[in-house]
Amino acid sequence: MTVDSTCRCPWLDSTKVDYVKYHDEEWGVPVLEDTKMFEYLVLESAQAGLSWYTILKRRDGYRKAFSNFDVAKVAEYTLADEERLVLDPRIIRHKGKISATVNNAKCFLAIQEEFGSFNKYIWAFVDNTVQVSSISQLADYPATSSISDTLSKDLKKRGFKFVGSTTIYAHLQASGLINDHSNNCKRKQEIINSYQTLGLKWFQH
């Protein structure tokens, strides 16, 4: 199938330059290192109940507020740090989500200790194989999947917060364990073409 080089996913608001940049350069690209995986998890958890663009606009604020997403540093944040961040206008000032980020950093470290890396842990949920979806229109996008259900339950069991199945499905999309670019999106095949270089298997479903 020939794909128009200007075509992008139906959910994207192409009038927002920063949103287009995120779609074209990051969304759905496989994440294979832990700092980026932690960053996405922080941002997706912060999104709960909000639009992704609301968080994307504050991404630099989150980066500065949470030590460039250095998970070991965030895990050491104190209650005083959390209270300070509740007053920080650069991020969503939601006490529960801020507290959850610190809590989740500690849980993230525990997974690194157990599995060697968070990536090794999370990629096992897709059998180290990118799940490539067939998306033709906006209505085809699921909010959750059996994989996000299973991963969400396991994360909660390990003490993570703000990691419901919808949040985790969005995380899997963003971090490239699931390729949910639409069939006519120029990025879908470009990302598929990168799998061999990255040493990744993929499965079309």
N, C-alpha and C. Protein backbone atom coordinates (compact mmCIF):
# COMPACT_ATOMS: atom_id res chain seq x y z
N MET A 1 0.84 -1.19 0.00
CA MET A 1 0.00 0.00 0.00
C MET A 1 0.88 1.25 0.00
N THR A 2 0.60 2.19 -0.88
CA THR A 2 1.33 3.44 -0.93
C THR A 2 0.74 4.40 0.11
N VAL A 3 1.60 4.96 0.93
CA VAL A 3 1.15 5.86 1.98
C VAL A 3 1.57 7.28 1.65
N ASP A 4 0.62 8.19 1.74
CA ASP A 4 0.88 9.61 1.51
C ASP A 4 1.84 10.12 2.59
N SER A 5 2.92 10.76 2.19
CA SER A 5 3.94 11.21 3.14
C SER A 5 3.44 12.29 4.09
N THR A 6 2.27 12.83 3.81
CA THR A 6 1.70 13.86 4.70
C THR A 6 0.68 13.27 5.67
N CYS A 7 0.33 12.01 5.50
CA CYS A 7 -0.71 11.39 6.34
C CYS A 7 -0.18 11.06 7.72
N ARG A 8 -1.02 11.34 8.71
CA ARG A 8 -0.67 11.03 10.10
C ARG A 8 -1.89 10.43 10.80
N CYS A 9 -1.71 9.99 12.02
CA CYS A 9 -2.78 9.33 12.78
C CYS A 9 -3.98 10.26 12.96
N PRO A 10 -5.20 9.69 12.97
CA PRO A 10 -6.42 10.50 13.03
C PRO A 10 -6.62 11.23 14.35
N TRP A 11 -5.92 10.82 15.42
CA TRP A 11 -6.08 11.49 16.71
C TRP A 11 -5.26 12.77 16.81
N LEU A 12 -4.35 12.97 15.88
CA LEU A 12 -3.41 14.08 15.99
C LEU A 12 -4.02 15.41 15.55
N ASP A 13 -3.86 16.44 16.35
CA ASP A 13 -4.25 17.80 15.98
C ASP A 13 -3.05 18.43 15.28
N SER A 14 -3.09 18.43 13.96
CA SER A 14 -1.93 18.86 13.17
C SER A 14 -1.69 20.37 13.22
N THR A 15 -2.57 21.10 13.90
CA THR A 15 -2.35 22.55 14.04
C THR A 15 -1.37 22.86 15.17
N LYS A 16 -1.09 21.86 16.00
CA LYS A 16 -0.18 22.04 17.14
C LYS A 16 1.20 21.50 16.75
N VAL A 17 2.13 22.40 16.51
CA VAL A 17 3.45 22.02 16.01
C VAL A 17 4.17 21.07 16.96
N ASP A 18 4.09 21.33 18.26
CA ASP A 18 4.77 20.46 19.22
C ASP A 18 4.14 19.07 19.29
N TYR A 19 2.84 19.02 19.06
CA TYR A 19 2.14 17.73 19.05
C TYR A 19 2.57 16.91 17.82
N VAL A 20 2.67 17.57 16.68
CA VAL A 20 3.11 16.90 15.46
C VAL A 20 4.54 16.38 15.62
N LYS A 21 5.39 17.18 16.23
CA LYS A 21 6.79 16.78 16.46
C LYS A 21 6.85 15.53 17.34
N TYR A 22 6.04 15.52 18.40
CA TYR A 22 5.99 14.36 19.28
C TYR A 22 5.53 13.12 18.51
N HIS A 23 4.47 13.27 17.72
CA HIS A 23 3.96 12.16 16.92
C HIS A 23 5.00 11.65 15.94
N ASP A 24 5.67 12.57 15.26
CA ASP A 24 6.59 12.19 14.18
C ASP A 24 7.92 11.64 14.69
N GLU A 25 8.31 12.03 15.90
CA GLU A 25 9.65 11.67 16.36
C GLU A 25 9.67 10.68 17.53
N GLU A 26 8.58 10.60 18.29
CA GLU A 26 8.63 9.79 19.50
C GLU A 26 7.54 8.74 19.64
N TRP A 27 6.30 9.12 19.38
CA TRP A 27 5.19 8.22 19.71
C TRP A 27 5.30 6.90 18.94
N GLY A 28 5.36 5.81 19.68
CA GLY A 28 5.41 4.50 19.07
C GLY A 28 6.81 4.00 18.74
N VAL A 29 7.83 4.82 18.96
CA VAL A 29 9.21 4.38 18.75
C VAL A 29 9.62 3.52 19.94
N PRO A 30 10.10 2.30 19.71
CA PRO A 30 10.43 1.42 20.83
C PRO A 30 11.44 2.03 21.79
N VAL A 31 11.08 2.02 23.07
CA VAL A 31 11.95 2.50 24.13
C VAL A 31 12.69 1.30 24.72
N LEU A 32 14.01 1.40 24.73
CA LEU A 32 14.82 0.27 25.18
C LEU A 32 15.76 0.64 26.32
N GLU A 33 15.54 1.79 26.93
CA GLU A 33 16.36 2.16 28.09
C GLU A 33 15.48 2.73 29.20
N ASP A 34 15.93 2.55 30.42
CA ASP A 34 15.06 2.75 31.57
C ASP A 34 14.71 4.21 31.88
N THR A 35 15.62 5.14 31.65
CA THR A 35 15.30 6.54 31.99
C THR A 35 14.14 7.06 31.16
N LYS A 36 14.17 6.76 29.86
CA LYS A 36 13.07 7.18 28.99
C LYS A 36 11.78 6.45 29.37
N MET A 37 11.88 5.19 29.72
CA MET A 37 10.70 4.43 30.12
C MET A 37 10.09 5.03 31.39
N PHE A 38 10.94 5.44 32.33
CA PHE A 38 10.44 6.07 33.56
C PHE A 38 9.80 7.41 33.24
N GLU A 39 10.41 8.19 32.35
CA GLU A 39 9.83 9.47 31.95
C GLU A 39 8.42 9.29 31.40
N TYR A 40 8.26 8.35 30.48
CA TYR A 40 6.94 8.12 29.89
C TYR A 40 5.94 7.67 30.94
N LEU A 41 6.40 6.84 31.88
CA LEU A 41 5.50 6.35 32.92
C LEU A 41 5.05 7.50 33.82
N VAL A 42 5.96 8.40 34.15
CA VAL A 42 5.61 9.58 34.96
C VAL A 42 4.57 10.43 34.23
N LEU A 43 4.83 10.69 32.96
CA LEU A 43 3.94 11.56 32.19
C LEU A 43 2.58 10.91 31.95
N GLU A 44 2.56 9.62 31.65
CA GLU A 44 1.28 8.94 31.43
C GLU A 44 0.47 8.88 32.72
N SER A 45 1.12 8.67 33.85
CA SER A 45 0.41 8.65 35.13
C SER A 45 -0.16 10.02 35.46
N ALA A 46 0.60 11.05 35.09
CA ALA A 46 0.13 12.42 35.34
C ALA A 46 -1.06 12.75 34.46
N GLN A 47 -1.16 12.07 33.32
CA GLN A 47 -2.23 12.36 32.36
C GLN A 47 -3.59 11.88 32.85
N ALA A 48 -3.64 10.90 33.70
CA ALA A 48 -4.90 10.27 34.10
C ALA A 48 -6.01 11.30 34.31
N GLY A 49 -7.06 11.19 33.51
CA GLY A 49 -8.20 12.10 33.60
C GLY A 49 -8.02 13.39 32.80
N LEU A 50 -6.88 13.54 32.15
CA LEU A 50 -6.59 14.75 31.38
C LEU A 50 -6.23 14.38 29.94
N SER A 51 -6.06 15.36 29.08
CA SER A 51 -5.62 15.09 27.71
C SER A 51 -4.10 14.97 27.69
N TRP A 52 -3.59 14.18 26.73
CA TRP A 52 -2.15 14.03 26.62
C TRP A 52 -1.48 15.36 26.31
N TYR A 53 -2.13 16.19 25.51
CA TYR A 53 -1.52 17.47 25.14
C TYR A 53 -1.34 18.38 26.36
N THR A 54 -2.24 18.27 27.32
CA THR A 54 -2.11 19.03 28.56
C THR A 54 -0.78 18.71 29.25
N ILE A 55 -0.40 17.44 29.22
CA ILE A 55 0.86 17.01 29.83
C ILE A 55 2.04 17.35 28.93
N LEU A 56 1.88 17.14 27.64
CA LEU A 56 2.98 17.41 26.71
C LEU A 56 3.46 18.85 26.81
N LYS A 57 2.53 19.78 26.98
CA LYS A 57 2.89 21.20 27.10
C LYS A 57 3.73 21.46 28.36
N ARG A 58 3.59 20.60 29.36
CA ARG A 58 4.29 20.78 30.63
C ARG A 58 5.49 19.84 30.75
N ARG A 59 5.86 19.20 29.69
CA ARG A 59 6.91 18.19 29.76
C ARG A 59 8.23 18.76 30.30
N ASP A 60 8.64 19.91 29.82
CA ASP A 60 9.87 20.52 30.32
C ASP A 60 9.76 20.83 31.80
N GLY A 61 8.56 21.23 32.22
CA GLY A 61 8.32 21.49 33.63
C GLY A 61 8.50 20.24 34.47
N TYR A 62 7.97 19.13 33.97
CA TYR A 62 8.13 17.85 34.66
C TYR A 62 9.60 17.43 34.71
N ARG A 63 10.30 17.68 33.62
CA ARG A 63 11.71 17.31 33.56
C ARG A 63 12.51 18.06 34.64
N LYS A 64 12.21 19.35 34.77
CA LYS A 64 12.91 20.15 35.78
C LYS A 64 12.45 19.80 37.19
N ALA A 65 11.17 19.55 37.35
CA ALA A 65 10.63 19.25 38.68
C ALA A 65 11.09 17.90 39.21
N PHE A 66 11.30 16.95 38.30
CA PHE A 66 11.64 15.59 38.70
C PHE A 66 13.04 15.17 38.23
N SER A 67 14.00 16.04 38.47
CA SER A 67 15.43 15.70 38.32
C SER A 67 15.77 15.02 37.00
N ASN A 68 15.24 15.57 35.90
CA ASN A 68 15.48 14.99 34.58
C ASN A 68 15.09 13.51 34.52
N PHE A 69 14.10 13.16 35.31
CA PHE A 69 13.56 11.79 35.36
C PHE A 69 14.62 10.77 35.80
N ASP A 70 15.54 11.23 36.63
CA ASP A 70 16.52 10.32 37.24
C ASP A 70 15.79 9.55 38.34
N VAL A 71 15.50 8.30 38.08
CA VAL A 71 14.62 7.54 38.98
C VAL A 71 15.20 7.41 40.38
N ALA A 72 16.51 7.26 40.50
CA ALA A 72 17.13 7.11 41.83
C ALA A 72 16.97 8.40 42.64
N LYS A 73 17.10 9.54 41.99
CA LYS A 73 16.93 10.82 42.68
C LYS A 73 15.48 11.04 43.09
N VAL A 74 14.55 10.73 42.18
CA VAL A 74 13.13 10.92 42.48
C VAL A 74 12.70 10.02 43.65
N ALA A 75 13.25 8.82 43.70
CA ALA A 75 12.90 7.88 44.77
C ALA A 75 13.30 8.41 46.15
N GLU A 76 14.23 9.36 46.19
CA GLU A 76 14.70 9.91 47.45
C GLU A 76 13.95 11.19 47.86
N TYR A 77 12.98 11.61 47.04
CA TYR A 77 12.22 12.82 47.39
C TYR A 77 11.49 12.61 48.71
N THR A 78 11.45 13.66 49.49
CA THR A 78 10.82 13.63 50.81
C THR A 78 9.42 14.22 50.75
N LEU A 79 8.72 14.15 51.86
CA LEU A 79 7.40 14.79 51.94
C LEU A 79 7.51 16.29 51.71
N ALA A 80 8.61 16.86 52.15
CA ALA A 80 8.83 18.29 51.92
C ALA A 80 8.96 18.58 50.42
N ASP A 81 9.62 17.69 49.70
CA ASP A 81 9.74 17.84 48.24
C ASP A 81 8.35 17.76 47.60
N GLU A 82 7.55 16.82 48.07
CA GLU A 82 6.21 16.67 47.51
C GLU A 82 5.37 17.93 47.77
N GLU A 83 5.48 18.47 48.96
CA GLU A 83 4.73 19.68 49.30
C GLU A 83 5.21 20.87 48.46
N ARG A 84 6.50 20.91 48.18
CA ARG A 84 7.05 21.97 47.32
C ARG A 84 6.50 21.84 45.90
N LEU A 85 6.42 20.60 45.41
CA LEU A 85 5.96 20.37 44.04
C LEU A 85 4.47 20.66 43.86
N VAL A 86 3.70 20.53 44.93
CA VAL A 86 2.28 20.86 44.86
C VAL A 86 2.09 22.35 44.53
N LEU A 87 3.10 23.15 44.81
CA LEU A 87 3.03 24.59 44.54
C LEU A 87 3.73 24.97 43.23
N ASP A 88 4.23 23.98 42.51
CA ASP A 88 5.02 24.24 41.30
C ASP A 88 4.08 24.40 40.09
N PRO A 89 4.00 25.59 39.51
CA PRO A 89 3.07 25.83 38.40
C PRO A 89 3.50 25.18 37.08
N ARG A 90 4.71 24.61 37.05
CA ARG A 90 5.20 23.99 35.81
C ARG A 90 4.59 22.62 35.56
N ILE A 91 3.98 22.04 36.59
CA ILE A 91 3.40 20.70 36.47
C ILE A 91 1.94 20.72 36.92
N ILE A 92 1.26 19.58 36.77
CA ILE A 92 -0.09 19.44 37.30
C ILE A 92 0.02 19.30 38.82
N ARG A 93 -0.56 20.25 39.53
CA ARG A 93 -0.37 20.31 40.99
C ARG A 93 -1.41 19.43 41.70
N HIS A 94 -1.29 18.15 41.46
CA HIS A 94 -2.19 17.15 42.04
C HIS A 94 -1.40 16.36 43.07
N LYS A 95 -1.72 16.55 44.31
CA LYS A 95 -0.93 15.94 45.39
C LYS A 95 -0.83 14.42 45.23
N GLY A 96 -1.94 13.79 44.86
CA GLY A 96 -1.93 12.34 44.72
C GLY A 96 -1.00 11.86 43.62
N LYS A 97 -1.00 12.58 42.51
CA LYS A 97 -0.14 12.18 41.39
C LYS A 97 1.33 12.45 41.68
N ILE A 98 1.60 13.54 42.37
CA ILE A 98 2.99 13.85 42.74
C ILE A 98 3.52 12.80 43.71
N SER A 99 2.71 12.47 44.71
CA SER A 99 3.09 11.44 45.67
C SER A 99 3.28 10.09 44.97
N ALA A 100 2.40 9.81 44.00
CA ALA A 100 2.49 8.55 43.26
C ALA A 100 3.79 8.47 42.46
N THR A 101 4.24 9.60 41.92
CA THR A 101 5.48 9.60 41.14
C THR A 101 6.66 9.20 42.01
N VAL A 102 6.72 9.73 43.22
CA VAL A 102 7.80 9.37 44.14
C VAL A 102 7.69 7.90 44.54
N ASN A 103 6.49 7.50 44.87
CA ASN A 103 6.23 6.09 45.21
C ASN A 103 6.61 5.17 44.05
N ASN A 104 6.21 5.55 42.84
CA ASN A 104 6.48 4.70 41.67
C ASN A 104 7.97 4.61 41.35
N ALA A 105 8.71 5.67 41.66
CA ALA A 105 10.17 5.63 41.46
C ALA A 105 10.79 4.54 42.35
N LYS A 106 10.30 4.45 43.58
CA LYS A 106 10.82 3.41 44.49
C LYS A 106 10.47 2.01 43.98
N CYS A 107 9.24 1.87 43.46
CA CYS A 107 8.81 0.58 42.92
C CYS A 107 9.59 0.23 41.65
N PHE A 108 9.88 1.25 40.86
CA PHE A 108 10.65 1.09 39.62
C PHE A 108 12.05 0.56 39.95
N LEU A 109 12.67 1.12 40.99
CA LEU A 109 14.00 0.66 41.42
C LEU A 109 13.95 -0.80 41.87
N ALA A 110 12.88 -1.16 42.54
CA ALA A 110 12.74 -2.55 43.01
C ALA A 110 12.67 -3.51 41.83
N ILE A 111 11.98 -3.10 40.75
CA ILE A 111 11.91 -3.94 39.55
C ILE A 111 13.28 -4.03 38.89
N GLN A 112 14.00 -2.91 38.83
CA GLN A 112 15.36 -2.93 38.28
C GLN A 112 16.24 -3.91 39.05
N GLU A 113 16.10 -3.89 40.36
CA GLU A 113 16.90 -4.77 41.20
C GLU A 113 16.55 -6.24 40.94
N GLU A 114 15.26 -6.51 40.76
CA GLU A 114 14.81 -7.90 40.56
C GLU A 114 15.12 -8.44 39.17
N PHE A 115 14.92 -7.60 38.15
CA PHE A 115 15.02 -8.07 36.77
C PHE A 115 16.27 -7.60 36.02
N GLY A 116 17.03 -6.71 36.63
CA GLY A 116 18.21 -6.19 35.95
C GLY A 116 17.95 -4.87 35.25
N SER A 117 16.73 -4.70 34.76
CA SER A 117 16.28 -3.43 34.18
C SER A 117 14.77 -3.44 34.10
N PHE A 118 14.18 -2.25 34.09
CA PHE A 118 12.73 -2.17 33.95
C PHE A 118 12.33 -2.61 32.55
N ASN A 119 13.16 -2.31 31.56
CA ASN A 119 12.85 -2.70 30.19
C ASN A 119 12.74 -4.21 30.04
N LYS A 120 13.64 -4.93 30.69
CA LYS A 120 13.58 -6.39 30.61
C LYS A 120 12.26 -6.89 31.18
N TYR A 121 11.82 -6.25 32.27
CA TYR A 121 10.55 -6.61 32.90
C TYR A 121 9.37 -6.32 31.98
N ILE A 122 9.27 -5.09 31.47
CA ILE A 122 8.07 -4.70 30.75
C ILE A 122 7.98 -5.36 29.37
N TRP A 123 9.11 -5.53 28.70
CA TRP A 123 9.07 -6.15 27.37
C TRP A 123 8.67 -7.62 27.42
N ALA A 124 8.84 -8.24 28.58
CA ALA A 124 8.42 -9.65 28.72
C ALA A 124 6.90 -9.78 28.58
N PHE A 125 6.16 -8.72 28.86
CA PHE A 125 4.69 -8.77 28.76
C PHE A 125 4.21 -8.85 27.31
N VAL A 126 5.08 -8.52 26.36
CA VAL A 126 4.75 -8.68 24.94
C VAL A 126 5.66 -9.72 24.30
N ASP A 127 6.27 -10.55 25.16
CA ASP A 127 7.18 -11.60 24.68
C ASP A 127 8.30 -11.00 23.82
N ASN A 128 8.76 -9.81 24.19
CA ASN A 128 9.83 -9.13 23.46
C ASN A 128 9.51 -8.96 21.98
N THR A 129 8.23 -8.80 21.70
CA THR A 129 7.74 -8.69 20.32
C THR A 129 6.77 -7.52 20.21
N VAL A 130 7.07 -6.55 19.35
CA VAL A 130 6.18 -5.41 19.17
C VAL A 130 4.85 -5.88 18.61
N GLN A 131 3.77 -5.43 19.21
CA GLN A 131 2.43 -5.75 18.74
C GLN A 131 1.99 -4.67 17.75
N VAL A 132 1.87 -5.00 16.49
CA VAL A 132 1.50 -4.03 15.46
C VAL A 132 0.01 -4.17 15.16
N SER A 133 -0.73 -3.10 15.40
CA SER A 133 -2.18 -3.12 15.23
C SER A 133 -2.59 -2.70 13.82
N SER A 134 -3.82 -3.03 13.47
CA SER A 134 -4.41 -2.56 12.21
C SER A 134 -5.46 -1.52 12.57
N ILE A 135 -5.11 -0.26 12.35
CA ILE A 135 -5.98 0.87 12.71
C ILE A 135 -6.35 1.64 11.45
N SER A 136 -7.64 1.67 11.13
CA SER A 136 -8.09 2.38 9.94
C SER A 136 -8.73 3.72 10.24
N GLN A 137 -9.34 3.83 11.42
CA GLN A 137 -10.05 5.06 11.78
C GLN A 137 -9.99 5.26 13.28
N LEU A 138 -10.38 6.43 13.72
CA LEU A 138 -10.30 6.77 15.14
C LEU A 138 -11.04 5.78 16.02
N ALA A 139 -12.17 5.29 15.53
CA ALA A 139 -12.99 4.36 16.31
C ALA A 139 -12.30 3.01 16.54
N ASP A 140 -11.24 2.72 15.77
CA ASP A 140 -10.54 1.44 15.91
C ASP A 140 -9.59 1.40 17.10
N TYR A 141 -9.28 2.56 17.66
CA TYR A 141 -8.33 2.59 18.76
C TYR A 141 -8.96 2.05 20.04
N PRO A 142 -8.34 1.02 20.64
CA PRO A 142 -8.85 0.53 21.92
C PRO A 142 -8.33 1.40 23.06
N ALA A 143 -8.99 1.36 24.19
CA ALA A 143 -8.53 2.09 25.37
C ALA A 143 -7.66 1.20 26.25
N THR A 144 -7.90 -0.10 26.15
CA THR A 144 -7.15 -1.08 26.94
C THR A 144 -6.97 -2.35 26.10
N SER A 145 -6.21 -3.29 26.63
CA SER A 145 -6.06 -4.59 25.97
C SER A 145 -5.79 -5.63 27.05
N SER A 146 -5.75 -6.88 26.68
CA SER A 146 -5.45 -7.92 27.66
C SER A 146 -4.04 -7.74 28.22
N ILE A 147 -3.13 -7.22 27.38
CA ILE A 147 -1.75 -6.98 27.84
C ILE A 147 -1.72 -5.85 28.86
N SER A 148 -2.42 -4.75 28.57
CA SER A 148 -2.42 -3.64 29.54
C SER A 148 -3.14 -4.03 30.82
N ASP A 149 -4.16 -4.87 30.71
CA ASP A 149 -4.86 -5.36 31.91
C ASP A 149 -3.89 -6.15 32.81
N THR A 150 -3.15 -7.06 32.19
CA THR A 150 -2.22 -7.92 32.94
C THR A 150 -1.09 -7.11 33.54
N LEU A 151 -0.51 -6.21 32.75
CA LEU A 151 0.60 -5.39 33.23
C LEU A 151 0.14 -4.45 34.35
N SER A 152 -1.02 -3.84 34.17
CA SER A 152 -1.57 -2.95 35.19
C SER A 152 -1.73 -3.68 36.52
N LYS A 153 -2.29 -4.87 36.47
CA LYS A 153 -2.48 -5.65 37.70
C LYS A 153 -1.16 -5.97 38.37
N ASP A 154 -0.16 -6.32 37.57
CA ASP A 154 1.14 -6.67 38.14
C ASP A 154 1.82 -5.46 38.75
N LEU A 155 1.73 -4.32 38.07
CA LEU A 155 2.32 -3.09 38.62
C LEU A 155 1.66 -2.70 39.93
N LYS A 156 0.33 -2.81 39.97
CA LYS A 156 -0.39 -2.49 41.21
C LYS A 156 0.02 -3.43 42.34
N LYS A 157 0.20 -4.69 42.00
CA LYS A 157 0.63 -5.67 42.99
C LYS A 157 2.01 -5.32 43.55
N ARG A 158 2.81 -4.69 42.69
CA ARG A 158 4.16 -4.28 43.10
C ARG A 158 4.18 -2.90 43.76
N GLY A 159 3.00 -2.31 43.95
CA GLY A 159 2.90 -1.08 44.72
C GLY A 159 2.76 0.21 43.92
N PHE A 160 2.75 0.11 42.58
CA PHE A 160 2.60 1.31 41.75
C PHE A 160 1.20 1.90 41.90
N LYS A 161 1.12 3.21 41.69
CA LYS A 161 -0.16 3.92 41.75
C LYS A 161 -0.39 4.71 40.46
N PHE A 162 -1.66 5.01 40.17
CA PHE A 162 -2.06 5.69 38.94
C PHE A 162 -1.57 4.92 37.71
N VAL A 163 -1.75 3.61 37.75
CA VAL A 163 -1.34 2.75 36.65
C VAL A 163 -2.51 1.84 36.23
N GLY A 164 -3.68 2.44 36.06
CA GLY A 164 -4.83 1.67 35.57
C GLY A 164 -4.58 1.19 34.16
N SER A 165 -5.42 0.29 33.69
CA SER A 165 -5.20 -0.33 32.38
C SER A 165 -5.19 0.69 31.24
N THR A 166 -6.05 1.72 31.32
CA THR A 166 -6.07 2.74 30.27
C THR A 166 -4.76 3.52 30.24
N THR A 167 -4.26 3.88 31.42
CA THR A 167 -2.97 4.59 31.51
C THR A 167 -1.85 3.71 30.97
N ILE A 168 -1.87 2.45 31.32
CA ILE A 168 -0.80 1.53 30.88
C ILE A 168 -0.90 1.26 29.38
N TYR A 169 -2.11 1.19 28.84
CA TYR A 169 -2.22 1.00 27.39
C TYR A 169 -1.60 2.20 26.67
N ALA A 170 -1.88 3.40 27.15
CA ALA A 170 -1.29 4.61 26.55
C ALA A 170 0.23 4.56 26.67
N HIS A 171 0.72 4.03 27.77
CA HIS A 171 2.17 3.90 27.96
C HIS A 171 2.77 2.92 26.96
N LEU A 172 2.10 1.81 26.75
CA LEU A 172 2.59 0.80 25.79
C LEU A 172 2.61 1.37 24.37
N GLN A 173 1.61 2.19 24.03
CA GLN A 173 1.58 2.85 22.73
C GLN A 173 2.76 3.82 22.59
N ALA A 174 2.90 4.67 23.59
CA ALA A 174 3.93 5.72 23.53
C ALA A 174 5.34 5.13 23.47
N SER A 175 5.57 4.08 24.25
CA SER A 175 6.92 3.51 24.35
C SER A 175 7.19 2.43 23.32
N GLY A 176 6.24 2.23 22.40
CA GLY A 176 6.50 1.40 21.24
C GLY A 176 6.40 -0.10 21.42
N LEU A 177 5.89 -0.56 22.56
CA LEU A 177 5.65 -2.00 22.69
C LEU A 177 4.46 -2.39 21.84
N ILE A 178 3.57 -1.41 21.63
CA ILE A 178 2.45 -1.56 20.70
C ILE A 178 2.60 -0.47 19.64
N ASN A 179 2.52 -0.85 18.38
CA ASN A 179 2.55 0.12 17.29
C ASN A 179 1.11 0.38 16.87
N ASP A 180 0.57 1.50 17.34
CA ASP A 180 -0.82 1.85 17.04
C ASP A 180 -0.92 3.01 16.05
N HIS A 181 0.13 3.23 15.27
CA HIS A 181 -0.01 4.20 14.19
C HIS A 181 -1.02 3.64 13.19
N SER A 182 -1.84 4.51 12.65
CA SER A 182 -2.88 4.06 11.72
C SER A 182 -2.26 3.54 10.43
N ASN A 183 -3.02 2.74 9.72
CA ASN A 183 -2.50 2.09 8.51
C ASN A 183 -2.03 3.08 7.45
N ASN A 184 -2.66 4.24 7.40
CA ASN A 184 -2.27 5.21 6.38
C ASN A 184 -1.31 6.28 6.92
N CYS A 185 -0.85 6.10 8.17
CA CYS A 185 0.09 7.05 8.75
C CYS A 185 1.50 6.78 8.24
N LYS A 186 2.19 7.82 7.86
CA LYS A 186 3.53 7.67 7.30
C LYS A 186 4.52 7.06 8.30
N ARG A 187 4.23 7.20 9.60
CA ARG A 187 5.16 6.70 10.61
C ARG A 187 5.06 5.21 10.86
N LYS A 188 3.94 4.61 10.53
CA LYS A 188 3.76 3.20 10.85
C LYS A 188 4.86 2.34 10.24
N GLN A 189 5.01 2.43 8.94
CA GLN A 189 6.00 1.59 8.26
C GLN A 189 7.42 2.04 8.57
N GLU A 190 7.62 3.33 8.76
CA GLU A 190 8.96 3.83 9.11
C GLU A 190 9.44 3.18 10.41
N ILE A 191 8.54 3.08 11.37
CA ILE A 191 8.90 2.47 12.65
C ILE A 191 9.09 0.96 12.49
N ILE A 192 8.22 0.33 11.73
CA ILE A 192 8.39 -1.11 11.47
C ILE A 192 9.76 -1.37 10.83
N ASN A 193 10.17 -0.50 9.93
CA ASN A 193 11.47 -0.66 9.27
C ASN A 193 12.64 -0.58 10.24
N SER A 194 12.41 0.06 11.39
CA SER A 194 13.50 0.21 12.37
C SER A 194 13.68 -1.03 13.25
N TYR A 195 12.71 -1.93 13.26
CA TYR A 195 12.76 -3.06 14.19
C TYR A 195 13.98 -3.95 13.97
N GLN A 196 14.29 -4.21 12.72
CA GLN A 196 15.43 -5.09 12.45
C GLN A 196 16.73 -4.49 12.98
N THR A 197 16.90 -3.19 12.77
CA THR A 197 18.09 -2.50 13.27
C THR A 197 18.17 -2.58 14.79
N LEU A 198 17.01 -2.51 15.44
CA LEU A 198 16.95 -2.55 16.90
C LEU A 198 16.98 -3.98 17.45
N GLY A 199 16.93 -4.95 16.55
CA GLY A 199 16.94 -6.35 16.96
C GLY A 199 15.62 -6.80 17.57
N LEU A 200 14.52 -6.19 17.10
CA LEU A 200 13.19 -6.50 17.64
C LEU A 200 12.37 -7.36 16.68
N LYS A 201 11.60 -8.26 17.25
CA LYS A 201 10.61 -9.01 16.48
C LYS A 201 9.31 -8.22 16.53
N TRP A 202 8.43 -8.47 15.57
CA TRP A 202 7.12 -7.81 15.61
C TRP A 202 6.06 -8.75 15.08
N PHE A 203 4.84 -8.48 15.52
CA PHE A 203 3.70 -9.33 15.17
C PHE A 203 2.53 -8.47 14.76
N GLN A 204 2.00 -8.70 13.58
CA GLN A 204 0.82 -7.95 13.09
C GLN A 204 -0.44 -8.66 13.55
N HIS A 205 -1.34 -7.90 14.15
CA HIS A 205 -2.60 -8.52 14.58
C HIS A 205 -3.78 -7.62 14.27
